[in-house]
Amino acid sequence: MPDSRRLPIWAGRTAALLGIVLVALTLRQAVAAISPILGDIRVDIPISNIGVGLLGTLPPILFAASGFIAPRVARGIGLDGGIVLALALMTAGHLIRAFAPGFAVLLIGSIVAFAGTGIGNVLLPSIVRRYFPDRVALLTAVYACIVGVSTAVPAALAAPVAEQISWRFSLGIWSVTSVVALVPWLLIIARERRQRLSDAVAGESPPPALVTRLWRSRVALSITVAFSTSTICTYAAFAWLPEILGDIAGSTSTEAGVLLAVTGIISVPGALVAPLLVARLRNVGGLIAAGIASFVLGYLGLLLAPESLTLLWVLLIGSGSILFPVSLVLINSRTRTQGGTVALSGFAQGVAYALGALGPLLVGLLHDVSGGWTLPLLFLLAVALVATIPAITLARPAFVEDELAR
């Protein structure tokens, strides 16, 4: 487990703290900055509806692929080098999209940016463990909240900036953030070269055997199931909740958009509190159960009384995303080594984001097959109930390395 000795948070770790905060701020900008201005982009660049769908599907696909690539990156160039690579890819992706002459280049830029984001997603929990082993829960809470901000700010500013200046400037401006985020990590690499080499010898990066054996760990599989429940329900909400609310609750497009934003806003308190609770509670099953109950009650409400208490059901669905920060902390707290953390982070996020990409597709397919939203909502209800398994299996403390050693 992370070292329990508590040091002053600034004790020799100022650059790392600033670096973690800035990386967290970049992790959703590439995703959130493009969808609000697709209409402006399509004026200059013809994009079919299939192309729009492809741009929307790319993030979870690239995040999933990065889940399996990032541990290899960490083995090759270390955690700090991996974060630098992630930020460099994000910077390049933002700029390629900003100067794209056509859809193909826009697509390539998005792939590059999302690949960098995915690597950052996987490595950041291990970075937190490396530099703040005494404050894993606190730093996880901080960066989970900042990730939420990095989703909201670009989404809110993209259209106004595009209207006042241009859509190219609106996409490219986020490269500044990722360049600024590079500075503390370049300083860390310059100052701690010897330490990084000794960390690699001590097991900073996950052995290949550990990565391939995680299927045998009940803890790893349980965390992956909890993480997958969160990603499936979250991406399904992003893709379909406004249309669901319009069809079954009579919400206008503006109201439905506001209600979708509510699901993101309500997740912020959970992202702040949940990691701190995970660090203090011996049995985390209750927190996972709370997330399950929120999803289940929200979906049942939309099924049984969609028009009368729409805001309540949306608040409950948004509250269910507490499973996301809980899973992030468990990746650190249920591994004993930095190598184990990197391996589990890549494994859990790789599988979860792959399933998250399938979630919206399955919801859309079930809607087309049934002609309504009852079957899709029942599907999401069933997905939420699957997380009952990790609520039980993770109730008792256990560690991935110990299970694999047995």
Protein backbone atom coordinates (compact mmCIF):
# COMPACT_ATOMS: atom_id res chain seq x y z
CA MET A 1 0.00 0.00 0.00
CA PRO A 2 1.10 3.60 -0.28
CA ASP A 3 3.41 4.76 2.46
CA SER A 4 1.37 5.97 5.43
CA ARG A 5 4.00 8.52 6.57
CA ARG A 6 2.68 11.98 5.85
CA LEU A 7 5.05 14.67 4.62
CA PRO A 8 4.26 18.32 3.96
CA ILE A 9 2.59 18.34 0.56
CA TRP A 10 5.16 20.82 -0.80
CA ALA A 11 8.16 18.92 0.63
CA GLY A 12 10.42 18.62 -2.42
CA ARG A 13 7.38 17.89 -4.58
CA THR A 14 6.24 21.28 -5.81
CA ALA A 15 7.00 20.55 -9.47
CA ALA A 16 5.26 17.16 -9.26
CA LEU A 17 2.17 18.68 -7.63
CA LEU A 18 1.97 21.42 -10.26
CA GLY A 19 2.59 18.84 -12.98
CA ILE A 20 -0.22 16.56 -11.78
CA VAL A 21 -2.69 19.46 -11.62
CA LEU A 22 -1.77 20.67 -15.11
CA VAL A 23 -1.91 17.19 -16.65
CA ALA A 24 -5.35 16.64 -15.13
CA LEU A 25 -6.44 19.94 -16.68
CA THR A 26 -5.48 18.68 -20.15
CA LEU A 27 -7.09 15.24 -20.01
CA ARG A 28 -10.50 16.07 -21.48
CA GLN A 29 -9.81 19.18 -23.54
CA ALA A 30 -9.36 17.33 -26.84
CA VAL A 31 -12.66 15.50 -26.29
CA ALA A 32 -14.75 18.46 -25.11
CA ALA A 33 -13.44 21.15 -27.47
CA ILE A 34 -14.65 19.78 -30.79
CA SER A 35 -18.31 18.73 -30.50
CA PRO A 36 -19.72 22.22 -29.67
CA ILE A 37 -18.20 23.69 -32.87
CA LEU A 38 -18.79 20.88 -35.36
CA GLY A 39 -21.28 23.11 -37.16
CA ASP A 40 -18.62 25.79 -37.67
CA ILE A 41 -16.07 23.20 -38.82
CA ARG A 42 -18.51 21.71 -41.33
CA VAL A 43 -18.84 25.11 -43.03
CA ASP A 44 -15.18 24.83 -44.10
CA ILE A 45 -14.66 21.05 -44.06
CA PRO A 46 -17.35 18.70 -45.38
CA ILE A 47 -18.01 16.06 -42.71
CA SER A 48 -20.65 13.38 -43.20
CA ASN A 49 -22.84 12.12 -40.36
CA ILE A 50 -20.74 8.96 -40.36
CA GLY A 51 -17.67 11.15 -39.93
CA VAL A 52 -19.28 12.93 -37.00
CA GLY A 53 -20.11 9.56 -35.45
CA LEU A 54 -16.51 8.41 -35.97
CA LEU A 55 -15.15 11.49 -34.19
CA GLY A 56 -17.50 10.77 -31.29
CA THR A 57 -16.46 7.12 -31.07
CA LEU A 58 -12.71 7.74 -31.24
CA PRO A 59 -12.11 8.84 -27.60
CA PRO A 60 -13.11 5.60 -25.82
CA ILE A 61 -11.47 3.51 -28.55
CA LEU A 62 -8.15 5.38 -28.24
CA PHE A 63 -8.43 5.39 -24.44
CA ALA A 64 -8.92 1.61 -24.53
CA ALA A 65 -5.93 1.08 -26.82
CA SER A 66 -3.81 3.36 -24.63
CA GLY A 67 -4.68 1.20 -21.63
CA PHE A 68 -2.59 -1.59 -23.12
CA ILE A 69 0.07 0.63 -24.71
CA ALA A 70 0.82 2.87 -21.71
CA PRO A 71 2.40 0.13 -19.51
CA ARG A 72 4.82 -0.63 -22.34
CA VAL A 73 5.57 3.08 -22.64
CA ALA A 74 6.30 3.21 -18.90
CA ARG A 75 8.65 0.23 -19.21
CA GLY A 76 10.48 1.86 -22.08
CA ILE A 77 10.87 5.50 -21.03
CA GLY A 78 9.63 5.61 -17.44
CA LEU A 79 6.59 7.27 -15.88
CA ASP A 80 7.89 10.82 -16.26
CA GLY A 81 8.89 10.19 -19.87
CA GLY A 82 5.49 8.67 -20.53
CA ILE A 83 3.73 11.79 -19.24
CA VAL A 84 5.95 13.98 -21.42
CA LEU A 85 5.09 11.82 -24.44
CA ALA A 86 1.37 12.07 -23.61
CA LEU A 87 1.53 15.88 -23.40
CA ALA A 88 3.57 16.09 -26.61
CA LEU A 89 0.96 14.01 -28.43
CA MET A 90 -1.85 16.17 -27.08
CA THR A 91 -0.04 19.34 -28.18
CA ALA A 92 0.58 17.95 -31.65
CA GLY A 93 -3.01 16.72 -31.94
CA HIS A 94 -4.49 20.12 -31.03
CA LEU A 95 -2.31 21.87 -33.61
CA ILE A 96 -2.92 19.31 -36.38
CA ARG A 97 -6.68 19.71 -35.90
CA ALA A 98 -6.39 23.51 -35.90
CA PHE A 99 -4.58 23.56 -39.26
CA ALA A 100 -6.45 20.63 -40.84
CA PRO A 101 -7.23 21.30 -44.53
CA GLY A 102 -9.71 18.42 -44.71
CA PHE A 103 -11.48 15.72 -42.74
CA ALA A 104 -8.67 13.15 -43.04
CA VAL A 105 -6.16 15.45 -41.32
CA LEU A 106 -8.76 16.46 -38.72
CA LEU A 107 -9.24 12.76 -38.00
CA ILE A 108 -5.49 12.15 -37.72
CA GLY A 109 -5.12 15.08 -35.34
CA SER A 110 -7.94 13.74 -33.19
CA ILE A 111 -6.34 10.28 -33.08
CA VAL A 112 -3.01 11.78 -31.99
CA ALA A 113 -4.64 13.96 -29.31
CA PHE A 114 -6.81 11.14 -27.95
CA ALA A 115 -3.84 8.75 -27.87
CA GLY A 116 -1.93 11.24 -25.73
CA THR A 117 -4.97 11.69 -23.50
CA GLY A 118 -5.31 7.93 -23.09
CA ILE A 119 -1.67 7.49 -22.06
CA GLY A 120 -2.07 10.32 -19.56
CA ASN A 121 -5.23 8.69 -18.17
CA VAL A 122 -3.36 5.46 -17.46
CA LEU A 123 -0.11 6.87 -16.09
CA LEU A 124 -1.50 9.60 -13.84
CA PRO A 125 -2.61 7.27 -10.98
CA SER A 126 0.91 5.81 -10.91
CA ILE A 127 2.45 9.29 -10.98
CA VAL A 128 0.34 10.19 -7.94
CA ARG A 129 1.54 7.07 -6.14
CA ARG A 130 5.16 7.72 -7.02
CA TYR A 131 5.34 11.31 -5.78
CA PHE A 132 2.59 11.36 -3.13
CA PRO A 133 2.43 7.86 -1.57
CA ASP A 134 1.32 9.50 1.69
CA ARG A 135 -1.56 11.44 0.07
CA VAL A 136 -2.89 9.20 -2.68
CA ALA A 137 -6.55 9.77 -1.78
CA LEU A 138 -6.22 13.55 -1.55
CA LEU A 139 -4.32 13.94 -4.83
CA THR A 140 -6.70 11.54 -6.59
CA ALA A 141 -9.66 13.61 -5.37
CA VAL A 142 -7.99 16.80 -6.58
CA TYR A 143 -7.15 15.53 -10.04
CA ALA A 144 -10.52 13.81 -10.51
CA CYS A 145 -12.21 17.16 -9.84
CA ILE A 146 -9.84 18.96 -12.21
CA VAL A 147 -10.58 16.40 -14.93
CA GLY A 148 -14.22 17.42 -14.54
CA VAL A 149 -13.21 21.06 -14.99
CA SER A 150 -11.19 20.13 -18.08
CA THR A 151 -14.41 18.74 -19.55
CA ALA A 152 -16.60 21.74 -18.71
CA VAL A 153 -14.31 24.66 -19.60
CA PRO A 154 -13.54 23.76 -23.25
CA ALA A 155 -17.16 22.80 -23.84
CA ALA A 156 -18.30 26.18 -22.53
CA LEU A 157 -15.67 28.29 -24.32
CA ALA A 158 -15.37 26.48 -27.66
CA ALA A 159 -18.39 28.05 -29.38
CA PRO A 160 -17.90 31.64 -28.14
CA VAL A 161 -14.20 31.58 -29.12
CA ALA A 162 -15.06 30.12 -32.53
CA GLU A 163 -17.70 32.80 -33.05
CA GLN A 164 -15.44 35.68 -32.04
CA ILE A 165 -12.23 34.48 -33.74
CA SER A 166 -12.41 31.16 -35.63
CA TRP A 167 -12.97 27.46 -35.06
CA ARG A 168 -9.30 26.81 -35.86
CA PHE A 169 -8.21 29.11 -33.05
CA SER A 170 -10.82 27.50 -30.78
CA LEU A 171 -9.27 24.05 -31.37
CA GLY A 172 -5.63 25.15 -31.36
CA ILE A 173 -5.70 27.29 -28.21
CA TRP A 174 -5.70 24.18 -26.00
CA SER A 175 -2.19 23.33 -27.19
CA VAL A 176 -1.03 26.17 -24.91
CA THR A 177 -2.29 24.28 -21.85
CA SER A 178 -0.47 21.08 -22.76
CA VAL A 179 2.75 22.98 -23.52
CA VAL A 180 2.57 24.70 -20.11
CA ALA A 181 1.94 21.30 -18.49
CA LEU A 182 5.17 20.02 -20.07
CA VAL A 183 7.35 22.49 -18.15
CA PRO A 184 7.30 20.92 -14.65
CA TRP A 185 7.83 17.42 -16.09
CA LEU A 186 10.83 18.52 -18.13
CA LEU A 187 12.26 20.09 -14.97
CA ILE A 188 11.64 16.88 -13.02
CA ILE A 189 13.36 14.77 -15.69
CA ALA A 190 16.33 17.15 -15.78
CA ARG A 191 16.74 17.14 -11.99
CA GLU A 192 16.03 13.49 -11.23
CA ARG A 193 17.71 11.53 -13.99
CA ARG A 194 19.65 9.33 -11.63
CA GLN A 195 16.60 8.78 -9.44
CA ARG A 196 14.53 7.74 -12.44
CA LEU A 197 17.13 5.13 -13.37
CA SER A 198 17.15 3.71 -9.86
CA ASP A 199 13.34 3.68 -9.82
CA ALA A 200 13.33 1.63 -13.01
CA VAL A 201 15.65 -0.90 -11.39
CA ALA A 202 13.45 -0.94 -8.28
CA GLY A 203 10.37 -1.78 -10.30
CA GLU A 204 8.87 1.49 -11.46
CA SER A 205 7.53 -0.17 -14.61
CA PRO A 206 5.33 -3.25 -14.66
CA PRO A 207 6.96 -6.53 -15.67
CA PRO A 208 5.33 -7.90 -18.86
CA ALA A 209 4.34 -11.06 -16.98
CA LEU A 210 2.30 -9.04 -14.48
CA VAL A 211 0.35 -7.28 -17.22
CA THR A 212 -0.61 -10.55 -18.91
CA ARG A 213 -1.57 -12.31 -15.65
CA LEU A 214 -4.06 -9.75 -14.35
CA TRP A 215 -6.94 -11.83 -15.72
CA ARG A 216 -6.19 -14.23 -12.85
CA SER A 217 -6.61 -11.60 -10.14
CA ARG A 218 -10.04 -11.28 -8.54
CA VAL A 219 -9.15 -7.78 -7.33
CA ALA A 220 -8.08 -6.66 -10.82
CA LEU A 221 -11.21 -8.08 -12.42
CA SER A 222 -13.47 -6.56 -9.76
CA ILE A 223 -11.99 -3.07 -10.16
CA THR A 224 -12.28 -3.45 -13.93
CA VAL A 225 -15.99 -4.36 -13.63
CA ALA A 226 -16.66 -1.31 -11.42
CA PHE A 227 -14.73 0.96 -13.80
CA SER A 228 -16.54 -0.54 -16.82
CA THR A 229 -19.94 0.08 -15.26
CA SER A 230 -19.04 3.73 -14.85
CA THR A 231 -17.73 4.17 -18.41
CA ILE A 232 -20.66 2.38 -20.08
CA CYS A 233 -23.27 4.39 -18.19
CA THR A 234 -21.37 7.67 -18.59
CA TYR A 235 -20.76 7.38 -22.35
CA ALA A 236 -24.33 6.17 -22.89
CA ALA A 237 -25.56 9.29 -21.08
CA PHE A 238 -23.35 11.59 -23.15
CA ALA A 239 -24.61 10.00 -26.34
CA TRP A 240 -28.30 9.44 -25.65
CA LEU A 241 -29.61 11.13 -22.49
CA PRO A 242 -30.79 14.36 -24.24
CA GLU A 243 -32.72 12.33 -26.82
CA ILE A 244 -34.14 10.02 -24.14
CA LEU A 245 -35.35 13.00 -22.11
CA GLY A 246 -36.88 14.62 -25.18
CA ASP A 247 -38.80 11.49 -26.12
CA ILE A 248 -40.03 10.21 -22.75
CA ALA A 249 -39.97 13.29 -20.50
CA GLY A 250 -40.97 15.95 -23.02
CA SER A 251 -37.82 18.03 -22.43
CA THR A 252 -36.88 20.63 -25.01
CA SER A 253 -33.43 20.42 -26.56
CA THR A 254 -32.22 23.27 -24.34
CA GLU A 255 -33.65 21.65 -21.21
CA ALA A 256 -32.15 18.29 -22.14
CA GLY A 257 -28.73 19.90 -22.68
CA VAL A 258 -28.90 21.58 -19.29
CA LEU A 259 -29.93 18.31 -17.64
CA LEU A 260 -26.98 16.54 -19.28
CA ALA A 261 -24.70 19.24 -17.84
CA VAL A 262 -26.26 18.58 -14.44
CA THR A 263 -25.02 14.98 -14.56
CA GLY A 264 -21.47 16.33 -14.89
CA ILE A 265 -21.85 18.99 -12.22
CA ILE A 266 -23.29 16.60 -9.64
CA SER A 267 -20.33 14.23 -10.16
CA VAL A 268 -17.83 16.81 -8.87
CA PRO A 269 -18.68 16.52 -5.13
CA GLY A 270 -18.48 12.73 -5.44
CA ALA A 271 -15.10 12.98 -7.15
CA LEU A 272 -13.85 15.09 -4.25
CA VAL A 273 -15.27 13.05 -1.37
CA ALA A 274 -15.13 9.44 -2.64
CA PRO A 275 -11.31 9.08 -2.75
CA LEU A 276 -11.02 10.40 0.81
CA LEU A 277 -13.66 7.92 1.98
CA VAL A 278 -11.95 5.01 0.21
CA ALA A 279 -8.77 5.80 2.14
CA ARG A 280 -10.62 5.77 5.47
CA LEU A 281 -13.11 2.94 5.05
CA ARG A 282 -12.02 -0.65 5.49
CA ASN A 283 -15.03 -1.86 3.51
CA VAL A 284 -15.45 0.04 0.23
CA GLY A 285 -18.39 -2.14 -0.80
CA GLY A 286 -20.79 0.43 0.62
CA LEU A 287 -19.44 3.19 -1.66
CA ILE A 288 -19.75 0.97 -4.72
CA ALA A 289 -23.25 0.02 -3.62
CA ALA A 290 -24.14 3.72 -3.32
CA GLY A 291 -23.08 4.25 -6.93
CA ILE A 292 -25.11 1.22 -8.05
CA ALA A 293 -28.18 2.42 -6.14
CA SER A 294 -27.93 5.87 -7.73
CA PHE A 295 -27.80 4.48 -11.27
CA VAL A 296 -30.57 1.97 -10.59
CA LEU A 297 -32.95 4.49 -9.00
CA GLY A 298 -32.27 7.00 -11.78
CA TYR A 299 -33.01 4.51 -14.55
CA LEU A 300 -36.07 3.16 -12.75
CA GLY A 301 -37.34 6.71 -12.34
CA LEU A 302 -37.01 7.37 -16.07
CA LEU A 303 -38.84 4.11 -16.76
CA LEU A 304 -41.70 4.59 -14.30
CA ALA A 305 -42.19 8.36 -13.86
CA PRO A 306 -40.05 10.23 -16.40
CA GLU A 307 -42.02 13.49 -16.48
CA SER A 308 -42.82 14.11 -12.82
CA LEU A 309 -39.32 14.09 -11.24
CA THR A 310 -37.00 14.34 -14.23
CA LEU A 311 -34.38 16.45 -12.44
CA LEU A 312 -34.19 13.95 -9.55
CA TRP A 313 -33.62 11.01 -11.91
CA VAL A 314 -30.89 12.91 -13.74
CA LEU A 315 -29.22 13.84 -10.45
CA LEU A 316 -29.24 10.19 -9.42
CA ILE A 317 -27.73 9.06 -12.73
CA GLY A 318 -25.01 11.69 -12.38
CA SER A 319 -24.34 10.64 -8.79
CA GLY A 320 -23.74 7.07 -9.96
CA SER A 321 -20.48 8.24 -11.54
CA ILE A 322 -18.96 8.08 -8.05
CA LEU A 323 -17.77 4.67 -9.27
CA PHE A 324 -15.15 6.46 -11.40
CA PRO A 325 -13.12 8.13 -8.60
CA VAL A 326 -13.61 5.07 -6.37
CA SER A 327 -12.06 2.89 -9.08
CA LEU A 328 -9.16 5.32 -9.53
CA VAL A 329 -8.26 5.15 -5.85
CA LEU A 330 -8.65 1.37 -5.72
CA ILE A 331 -6.10 1.06 -8.54
CA ASN A 332 -3.56 2.57 -6.12
CA SER A 333 -4.80 1.19 -2.82
CA ARG A 334 -5.11 -2.44 -3.97
CA THR A 335 -1.61 -2.69 -5.43
CA ARG A 336 1.66 -2.82 -3.50
CA THR A 337 4.11 -1.54 -6.10
CA GLN A 338 4.34 1.21 -8.68
CA GLY A 339 4.70 -1.46 -11.36
CA GLY A 340 1.49 -3.09 -10.15
CA THR A 341 -0.30 0.26 -10.24
CA VAL A 342 0.76 0.95 -13.83
CA ALA A 343 -0.25 -2.57 -14.92
CA LEU A 344 -3.64 -2.46 -13.18
CA SER A 345 -4.35 1.07 -14.41
CA GLY A 346 -3.69 0.05 -18.01
CA PHE A 347 -5.64 -3.19 -17.70
CA ALA A 348 -8.71 -1.71 -15.98
CA GLN A 349 -8.90 1.42 -18.14
CA GLY A 350 -8.18 -0.49 -21.36
CA VAL A 351 -11.05 -2.91 -20.81
CA ALA A 352 -13.40 -0.27 -19.36
CA TYR A 353 -13.00 2.22 -22.18
CA ALA A 354 -13.39 -0.53 -24.79
CA LEU A 355 -16.70 -1.47 -23.19
CA GLY A 356 -17.55 2.21 -22.80
CA ALA A 357 -17.26 2.60 -26.57
CA LEU A 358 -19.70 -0.26 -27.08
CA GLY A 359 -22.26 1.09 -24.60
CA PRO A 360 -23.70 3.89 -26.76
CA LEU A 361 -23.75 1.60 -29.79
CA LEU A 362 -25.73 -1.06 -27.92
CA VAL A 363 -28.16 1.53 -26.53
CA GLY A 364 -28.75 2.84 -30.06
CA LEU A 365 -29.17 -0.68 -31.44
CA LEU A 366 -31.69 -1.64 -28.73
CA HIS A 367 -33.60 1.57 -29.41
CA ASP A 368 -33.77 0.80 -33.14
CA VAL A 369 -34.83 -2.80 -32.51
CA SER A 370 -37.52 -1.98 -29.93
CA GLY A 371 -38.65 1.40 -31.25
CA GLY A 372 -38.56 2.91 -27.75
CA TRP A 373 -36.38 3.54 -24.73
CA THR A 374 -37.65 0.88 -22.32
CA LEU A 375 -35.26 -1.82 -23.53
CA PRO A 376 -32.19 0.47 -23.59
CA LEU A 377 -32.94 1.69 -20.05
CA LEU A 378 -33.37 -1.89 -18.86
CA PHE A 379 -30.00 -2.68 -20.43
CA LEU A 380 -28.33 0.18 -18.52
CA LEU A 381 -30.12 -0.96 -15.36
CA ALA A 382 -28.63 -4.43 -15.83
CA VAL A 383 -25.16 -2.97 -16.43
CA ALA A 384 -25.39 -1.04 -13.16
CA LEU A 385 -26.45 -4.17 -11.26
CA VAL A 386 -23.39 -6.07 -12.54
CA ALA A 387 -21.30 -3.81 -10.28
CA THR A 388 -22.89 -5.63 -7.32
CA ILE A 389 -20.16 -8.25 -7.85
CA PRO A 390 -17.23 -5.90 -7.10
CA ALA A 391 -19.25 -4.36 -4.25
CA ILE A 392 -19.04 -7.81 -2.64
CA THR A 393 -15.60 -8.98 -3.75
CA LEU A 394 -13.83 -5.71 -2.89
CA ALA A 395 -15.42 -5.46 0.55
CA ARG A 396 -12.35 -7.08 2.12
CA PRO A 397 -8.87 -5.61 1.56
CA ALA A 398 -6.76 -7.67 -0.83
CA PHE A 399 -3.89 -6.88 -3.18
CA VAL A 400 -3.23 -7.81 -6.78
CA GLU A 401 0.39 -8.85 -6.23
CA ASP A 402 -0.59 -11.13 -3.33
CA GLU A 403 -3.24 -12.89 -5.43
CA LEU A 404 -0.87 -13.42 -8.34
CA ALA A 405 1.86 -14.69 -6.01
CA ARG A 406 -0.50 -17.39 -4.79
